[in-house]
């Protein structure tokens, strides 16, 4: 059995074939996700290519990417070029320092960061170093897995699991109706929201625009989506709010805010360009004003409570203070 962190390499810069026995805490994990943990930095496209071509074997036989592994299964991980796996271009040292400083909580089960704006939750098309890939570089001896995602432009709390059991339990909580995980965001909405409290119950549908860009809209064929807005302060004719969401749909807060006629300040996708221009010029707001401020949940069947907080990003606090 080869240690998952030990990767022998050939002179040509390729890893050697590895036979890895699935540990008990990885039982139930999909094969593709297991491989992503073994081939740190490798794009999903490469992992799927290896599986489809039959280079990956489970107990000596071919397997599909979605296969659920069992403890004791033996997985053949084929030789992979380090360049293909993204190991020749590690994150810059300055970025590693930023992400190390972003850690707000860590225990035996979880690692939680206050994700900066502009950082993707995970790497993908055109993105070399997402939050999860970077944290795996900073914590090379851990099998970190992303529990959920935040939009690239949204700052705030992002949870990564150190243990398979924590990942499974948290993802089950995320699937619960009415919030197994209590999620609280802070945002600045353009204009004066008429009521101090407003709930938006509007289904959201994810569509694709030309070029493959995701665009979400309120649509009866969409998934049920519920957001609760509460005004904390009126600033300069605008509404500084907390938002609690009971569902976690793509771009949910941004689209619901647009739907009620008060888009999120600095939202280049769903906002008003003229209003965003004024925010830039008058208060120096150059980003989306949306921040995942707190998460509350309990693990171990409700026995271990967590309350996680991330302070408002400095550039958002400064922009807010400039509003008369």
Protein backbone atom coordinates (compact mmCIF):
# COMPACT_ATOMS: atom_id res chain seq x y z
CA UNK A 1 0.00 0.00 0.00
CA UNK A 2 1.36 3.40 -0.97
CA UNK A 3 0.96 6.33 1.40
CA UNK A 4 -1.38 8.87 -0.17
CA UNK A 5 1.14 11.66 0.47
CA UNK A 6 4.14 9.78 -0.97
CA UNK A 7 4.40 10.26 -4.71
CA UNK A 8 7.43 8.59 -6.26
CA UNK A 9 8.41 10.22 -9.53
CA UNK A 10 10.33 9.11 -12.57
CA UNK A 11 13.14 11.13 -14.14
CA UNK A 12 10.69 12.25 -16.81
CA UNK A 13 8.69 14.11 -14.20
CA UNK A 14 5.87 11.61 -13.97
CA UNK A 15 4.46 10.05 -10.86
CA UNK A 16 4.72 6.26 -10.65
CA UNK A 17 1.79 3.87 -10.56
CA UNK A 18 0.32 3.78 -7.05
CA UNK A 19 -1.91 1.14 -5.49
CA UNK A 20 -3.90 2.77 -2.71
CA UNK A 21 -6.20 1.05 -0.26
CA UNK A 22 -9.25 3.11 0.62
CA UNK A 23 -9.17 3.98 4.34
CA UNK A 24 -12.30 3.66 6.46
CA UNK A 25 -12.91 7.40 6.65
CA UNK A 26 -13.15 7.56 2.82
CA UNK A 27 -15.81 4.84 2.54
CA UNK A 28 -18.75 6.12 0.50
CA UNK A 29 -16.70 8.71 -1.37
CA UNK A 30 -17.05 8.92 -5.14
CA UNK A 31 -14.08 7.68 -7.14
CA UNK A 32 -13.58 11.02 -8.93
CA UNK A 33 -13.45 12.94 -5.63
CA UNK A 34 -11.08 10.36 -4.14
CA UNK A 35 -8.74 10.79 -7.12
CA UNK A 36 -8.84 14.57 -6.85
CA UNK A 37 -7.57 14.16 -3.29
CA UNK A 38 -4.74 11.91 -4.48
CA UNK A 39 -3.77 13.99 -7.52
CA UNK A 40 -3.65 17.33 -5.74
CA UNK A 41 -3.96 20.20 -8.18
CA UNK A 42 -5.14 18.02 -11.06
CA UNK A 43 -8.09 19.43 -13.03
CA UNK A 44 -11.30 17.42 -13.03
CA UNK A 45 -11.02 17.03 -16.80
CA UNK A 46 -7.78 15.07 -16.35
CA UNK A 47 -9.30 12.85 -13.66
CA UNK A 48 -12.30 12.00 -15.86
CA UNK A 49 -9.97 11.29 -18.79
CA UNK A 50 -7.95 8.84 -16.68
CA UNK A 51 -11.11 7.06 -15.51
CA UNK A 52 -12.72 6.89 -18.98
CA UNK A 53 -9.55 5.49 -20.55
CA UNK A 54 -9.41 2.64 -18.03
CA UNK A 55 -6.11 3.75 -16.50
CA UNK A 56 -7.79 3.92 -13.09
CA UNK A 57 -8.78 0.54 -11.68
CA UNK A 58 -10.71 -0.45 -8.58
CA UNK A 59 -9.92 -3.95 -7.29
CA UNK A 60 -8.39 -4.70 -10.68
CA UNK A 61 -11.40 -3.69 -12.75
CA UNK A 62 -12.57 -0.62 -14.61
CA UNK A 63 -14.90 1.73 -12.75
CA UNK A 64 -17.03 4.78 -13.37
CA UNK A 65 -16.24 8.21 -11.92
CA UNK A 66 -19.37 8.18 -9.77
CA UNK A 67 -18.66 4.79 -8.19
CA UNK A 68 -18.91 4.86 -4.38
CA UNK A 69 -15.78 3.37 -2.86
CA UNK A 70 -15.72 0.99 0.10
CA UNK A 71 -13.13 0.72 2.84
CA UNK A 72 -10.39 -1.68 1.73
CA UNK A 73 -10.96 -1.19 -2.00
CA UNK A 74 -7.67 -1.05 -3.88
CA UNK A 75 -7.42 1.84 -6.34
CA UNK A 76 -4.82 1.95 -9.09
CA UNK A 77 -3.70 5.55 -9.63
CA UNK A 78 -1.84 5.73 -12.95
CA UNK A 79 1.31 7.72 -13.74
CA UNK A 80 0.51 11.41 -14.21
CA UNK A 81 2.70 14.17 -15.56
CA UNK A 82 3.38 16.69 -12.81
CA UNK A 83 2.62 19.44 -15.32
CA UNK A 84 -0.76 17.85 -16.06
CA UNK A 85 -1.53 17.71 -12.37
CA UNK A 86 -0.68 21.34 -11.98
CA UNK A 87 2.29 20.72 -9.68
CA UNK A 88 4.81 22.75 -11.69
CA UNK A 89 3.08 26.02 -10.93
CA UNK A 90 2.37 26.23 -7.19
CA UNK A 91 0.52 29.26 -5.87
CA UNK A 92 2.77 32.32 -5.46
CA UNK A 93 4.27 32.75 -1.99
CA UNK A 94 2.43 36.05 -1.51
CA UNK A 95 -0.91 34.36 -2.24
CA UNK A 96 -0.10 31.52 0.15
CA UNK A 97 0.54 34.11 2.88
CA UNK A 98 -2.80 35.80 2.17
CA UNK A 99 -4.64 32.48 2.37
CA UNK A 100 -2.81 31.38 5.53
CA UNK A 101 -3.87 34.66 7.16
CA UNK A 102 -7.46 34.03 5.99
CA UNK A 103 -7.88 30.99 8.29
CA UNK A 104 -10.39 31.92 11.00
CA UNK A 105 -11.03 28.52 12.59
CA UNK A 106 -9.43 25.10 12.69
CA UNK A 107 -9.99 21.96 14.73
CA UNK A 108 -9.61 18.22 14.20
CA UNK A 109 -12.57 18.11 11.79
CA UNK A 110 -12.77 21.46 10.00
CA UNK A 111 -10.67 24.22 8.50
CA UNK A 112 -12.55 27.47 7.85
CA UNK A 113 -11.32 30.53 5.98
CA UNK A 114 -12.56 34.07 5.49
CA UNK A 115 -12.29 33.83 1.69
CA UNK A 116 -11.12 37.05 0.04
CA UNK A 117 -13.10 38.45 -2.86
CA UNK A 118 -11.76 37.44 -6.27
CA UNK A 119 -10.67 33.99 -5.08
CA UNK A 120 -12.62 31.07 -6.55
CA UNK A 121 -13.72 28.31 -4.19
CA UNK A 122 -11.98 25.79 -6.45
CA UNK A 123 -9.87 25.85 -9.60
CA UNK A 124 -11.49 25.44 -12.98
CA UNK A 125 -11.45 26.90 -16.44
CA UNK A 126 -8.84 29.64 -16.46
CA UNK A 127 -8.34 29.46 -12.67
CA UNK A 128 -5.14 27.76 -11.52
CA UNK A 129 -5.37 28.25 -7.79
CA UNK A 130 -8.74 28.15 -6.06
CA UNK A 131 -9.19 28.26 -2.29
CA UNK A 132 -9.30 24.48 -1.82
CA UNK A 133 -6.22 23.84 -3.98
CA UNK A 134 -4.27 26.53 -2.14
CA UNK A 135 -5.22 25.23 1.30
CA UNK A 136 -4.12 21.74 0.23
CA UNK A 137 -0.70 23.21 -0.51
CA UNK A 138 -0.65 24.86 2.92
CA UNK A 139 -1.86 21.66 4.64
CA UNK A 140 -0.21 18.91 2.52
CA UNK A 141 -0.72 16.19 5.12
CA UNK A 142 -4.50 16.63 5.24
CA UNK A 143 -7.18 15.31 2.90
CA UNK A 144 -9.13 18.55 2.72
CA UNK A 145 -12.51 18.52 0.95
CA UNK A 146 -14.67 21.53 0.08
CA UNK A 147 -17.98 21.40 1.96
CA UNK A 148 -19.77 24.14 -0.02
CA UNK A 149 -18.95 27.02 -2.38
CA UNK A 150 -19.02 30.78 -2.45
CA UNK A 151 -19.22 32.91 -5.57
CA UNK A 152 -15.80 34.13 -6.62
CA UNK A 153 -16.71 37.77 -5.92
CA UNK A 154 -18.32 37.03 -2.53
CA UNK A 155 -16.08 37.16 0.54
CA UNK A 156 -16.56 35.33 3.80
CA UNK A 157 -16.78 31.94 5.45
CA UNK A 158 -15.83 28.88 3.45
CA UNK A 159 -15.69 25.48 5.18
CA UNK A 160 -13.33 22.63 4.32
CA UNK A 161 -13.57 19.23 5.98
CA UNK A 162 -10.55 17.33 7.26
CA UNK A 163 -12.50 14.14 7.88
CA UNK A 164 -14.84 12.29 5.59
CA UNK A 165 -17.38 11.92 8.42
CA UNK A 166 -17.55 15.71 8.89
CA UNK A 167 -17.96 16.26 5.15
CA UNK A 168 -20.85 13.80 4.93
CA UNK A 169 -22.61 15.25 7.97
CA UNK A 170 -22.24 18.86 6.83
CA UNK A 171 -23.46 18.10 3.32
CA UNK A 172 -26.49 16.36 4.82
CA UNK A 173 -27.17 19.49 6.89
CA UNK A 174 -26.89 21.64 3.76
CA UNK A 175 -29.55 19.51 2.06
CA UNK A 176 -32.04 19.92 4.93
CA UNK A 177 -35.07 22.11 4.37
CA UNK A 178 -35.24 25.23 6.53
CA UNK A 179 -31.53 25.31 7.14
CA UNK A 180 -29.56 22.61 8.89
CA UNK A 181 -26.86 25.27 8.65
CA UNK A 182 -27.87 28.83 9.59
CA UNK A 183 -26.25 31.17 7.04
CA UNK A 184 -26.04 34.92 7.62
CA UNK A 185 -24.73 37.38 5.03
CA UNK A 186 -24.10 41.12 5.07
CA UNK A 187 -24.86 43.19 1.99
CA UNK A 188 -25.50 46.72 0.77
CA UNK A 189 -28.59 47.00 -1.43
CA UNK A 190 -28.97 49.87 -3.87
CA UNK A 191 -31.81 52.21 -2.90
CA UNK A 192 -34.16 52.27 0.06
CA UNK A 193 -35.75 48.89 0.69
CA UNK A 194 -39.32 49.92 1.59
CA UNK A 195 -39.77 47.66 4.60
CA UNK A 196 -37.32 46.92 7.38
CA UNK A 197 -37.88 43.19 6.92
CA UNK A 198 -38.71 41.36 3.71
CA UNK A 199 -38.80 37.68 2.78
CA UNK A 200 -38.34 36.72 -0.85
CA UNK A 201 -39.82 33.37 -1.82
CA UNK A 202 -39.06 33.08 -5.54
CA UNK A 203 -37.88 30.00 -7.48
CA UNK A 204 -34.52 30.32 -9.25
CA UNK A 205 -33.52 28.77 -12.54
CA UNK A 206 -29.93 28.54 -13.78
CA UNK A 207 -29.58 29.12 -17.49
CA UNK A 208 -26.63 29.57 -19.83
CA UNK A 209 -25.94 32.61 -21.95
CA UNK A 210 -24.00 32.55 -25.20
CA UNK A 211 -20.42 31.62 -24.35
CA UNK A 212 -21.44 29.30 -21.51
CA UNK A 213 -21.81 31.98 -18.83
CA UNK A 214 -24.23 31.02 -16.05
CA UNK A 215 -27.13 33.38 -15.58
CA UNK A 216 -29.79 32.87 -12.91
CA UNK A 217 -33.30 34.26 -13.01
CA UNK A 218 -36.58 34.05 -11.13
CA UNK A 219 -38.60 31.49 -13.03
CA UNK A 220 -41.52 29.20 -12.05
CA UNK A 221 -39.61 26.18 -13.44
CA UNK A 222 -36.71 26.87 -11.06
CA UNK A 223 -35.90 25.44 -7.64
CA UNK A 224 -37.64 26.79 -4.52
CA UNK A 225 -35.53 29.57 -2.99
CA UNK A 226 -36.12 31.58 0.18
CA UNK A 227 -34.18 34.61 1.45
CA UNK A 228 -34.90 36.86 4.44
CA UNK A 229 -33.65 40.48 4.24
CA UNK A 230 -33.46 42.77 7.28
CA UNK A 231 -32.28 46.37 7.16
CA UNK A 232 -29.56 47.08 9.72
CA UNK A 233 -28.95 50.71 8.72
CA UNK A 234 -30.04 53.26 6.13
CA UNK A 235 -26.93 54.84 4.64
CA UNK A 236 -27.00 57.59 2.01
CA UNK A 237 -30.34 56.47 0.65
CA UNK A 238 -29.23 52.83 0.47
CA UNK A 239 -29.92 49.77 2.64
CA UNK A 240 -27.26 47.95 4.64
CA UNK A 241 -28.82 44.55 5.37
CA UNK A 242 -28.31 41.16 6.87
CA UNK A 243 -29.64 38.27 4.81
CA UNK A 244 -30.46 34.82 6.09
CA UNK A 245 -31.01 32.16 3.45
CA UNK A 246 -32.88 28.90 3.91
CA UNK A 247 -31.72 27.50 0.57
CA UNK A 248 -28.33 27.75 -1.08
CA UNK A 249 -29.02 28.33 -4.77
CA UNK A 250 -26.49 29.73 -7.21
CA UNK A 251 -26.41 33.56 -6.96
CA UNK A 252 -29.50 33.39 -4.72
CA UNK A 253 -29.07 36.64 -2.76
CA UNK A 254 -27.97 38.58 -5.82
CA UNK A 255 -30.94 37.50 -7.94
CA UNK A 256 -33.49 37.91 -5.15
CA UNK A 257 -32.14 41.41 -4.47
CA UNK A 258 -32.48 42.27 -8.17
CA UNK A 259 -35.98 40.77 -8.15
CA UNK A 260 -37.20 43.21 -5.45
CA UNK A 261 -35.65 46.15 -7.30
CA UNK A 262 -32.70 46.68 -4.95
CA UNK A 263 -29.67 44.90 -6.45
CA UNK A 264 -26.52 44.28 -4.46
CA UNK A 265 -24.11 47.20 -4.69
CA UNK A 266 -21.21 46.52 -7.03
CA UNK A 267 -22.91 43.57 -8.74
CA UNK A 268 -21.66 43.63 -12.33
CA UNK A 269 -23.87 40.70 -13.37
CA UNK A 270 -27.29 41.54 -11.89
CA UNK A 271 -26.89 45.15 -10.81
CA UNK A 272 -27.37 48.58 -12.39
CA UNK A 273 -24.20 49.77 -14.21
CA UNK A 274 -24.99 53.45 -13.61
CA UNK A 275 -25.55 52.90 -9.88
CA UNK A 276 -22.38 50.80 -9.63
CA UNK A 277 -20.44 53.60 -11.32
CA UNK A 278 -21.67 56.05 -8.67
CA UNK A 279 -20.66 53.63 -5.90
CA UNK A 280 -17.17 53.43 -7.40
CA UNK A 281 -16.78 57.17 -7.75
CA UNK A 282 -18.42 58.27 -4.48
CA UNK A 283 -17.37 55.64 -1.93
CA UNK A 284 -14.62 53.73 -3.74
CA UNK A 285 -16.59 50.46 -3.94
CA UNK A 286 -14.86 48.36 -6.57
CA UNK A 287 -16.29 44.95 -5.74
CA UNK A 288 -19.51 43.09 -4.95
CA UNK A 289 -20.81 44.13 -1.52
CA UNK A 290 -21.73 40.65 -0.31
CA UNK A 291 -20.07 38.90 2.63
CA UNK A 292 -20.77 35.51 4.26
CA UNK A 293 -20.53 36.69 7.86
CA UNK A 294 -21.61 33.76 10.04
CA UNK A 295 -22.46 30.07 9.96
CA UNK A 296 -24.12 28.13 12.75
CA UNK A 297 -24.60 24.35 12.89
CA UNK A 298 -23.98 21.30 15.06
CA UNK A 299 -22.06 18.11 14.30
CA UNK A 300 -22.03 14.69 15.96
CA UNK A 301 -25.79 14.43 15.73
CA UNK A 302 -26.30 17.84 17.29
CA UNK A 303 -23.90 17.31 20.21
CA UNK A 304 -21.09 19.61 19.02
CA UNK A 305 -22.26 23.17 18.22
CA UNK A 306 -20.31 25.54 15.99
CA UNK A 307 -20.75 29.29 15.60
CA UNK A 308 -18.32 30.70 13.04
CA UNK A 309 -17.86 34.39 12.30
CA UNK A 310 -15.84 36.38 9.77
CA UNK A 311 -15.49 40.16 10.12
CA UNK A 312 -16.62 42.37 7.26
CA UNK A 313 -13.81 42.81 4.73
CA UNK A 314 -11.93 46.11 5.36
CA UNK A 315 -12.70 47.52 1.91
CA UNK A 316 -16.43 46.96 2.51
CA UNK A 317 -16.34 48.54 5.96
CA UNK A 318 -14.48 51.56 4.54
CA UNK A 319 -16.97 51.97 1.67
CA UNK A 320 -19.87 51.73 4.12
CA UNK A 321 -18.32 54.39 6.35
CA UNK A 322 -18.05 56.77 3.40
CA UNK A 323 -21.79 56.65 2.84
CA UNK A 324 -23.35 59.75 4.43
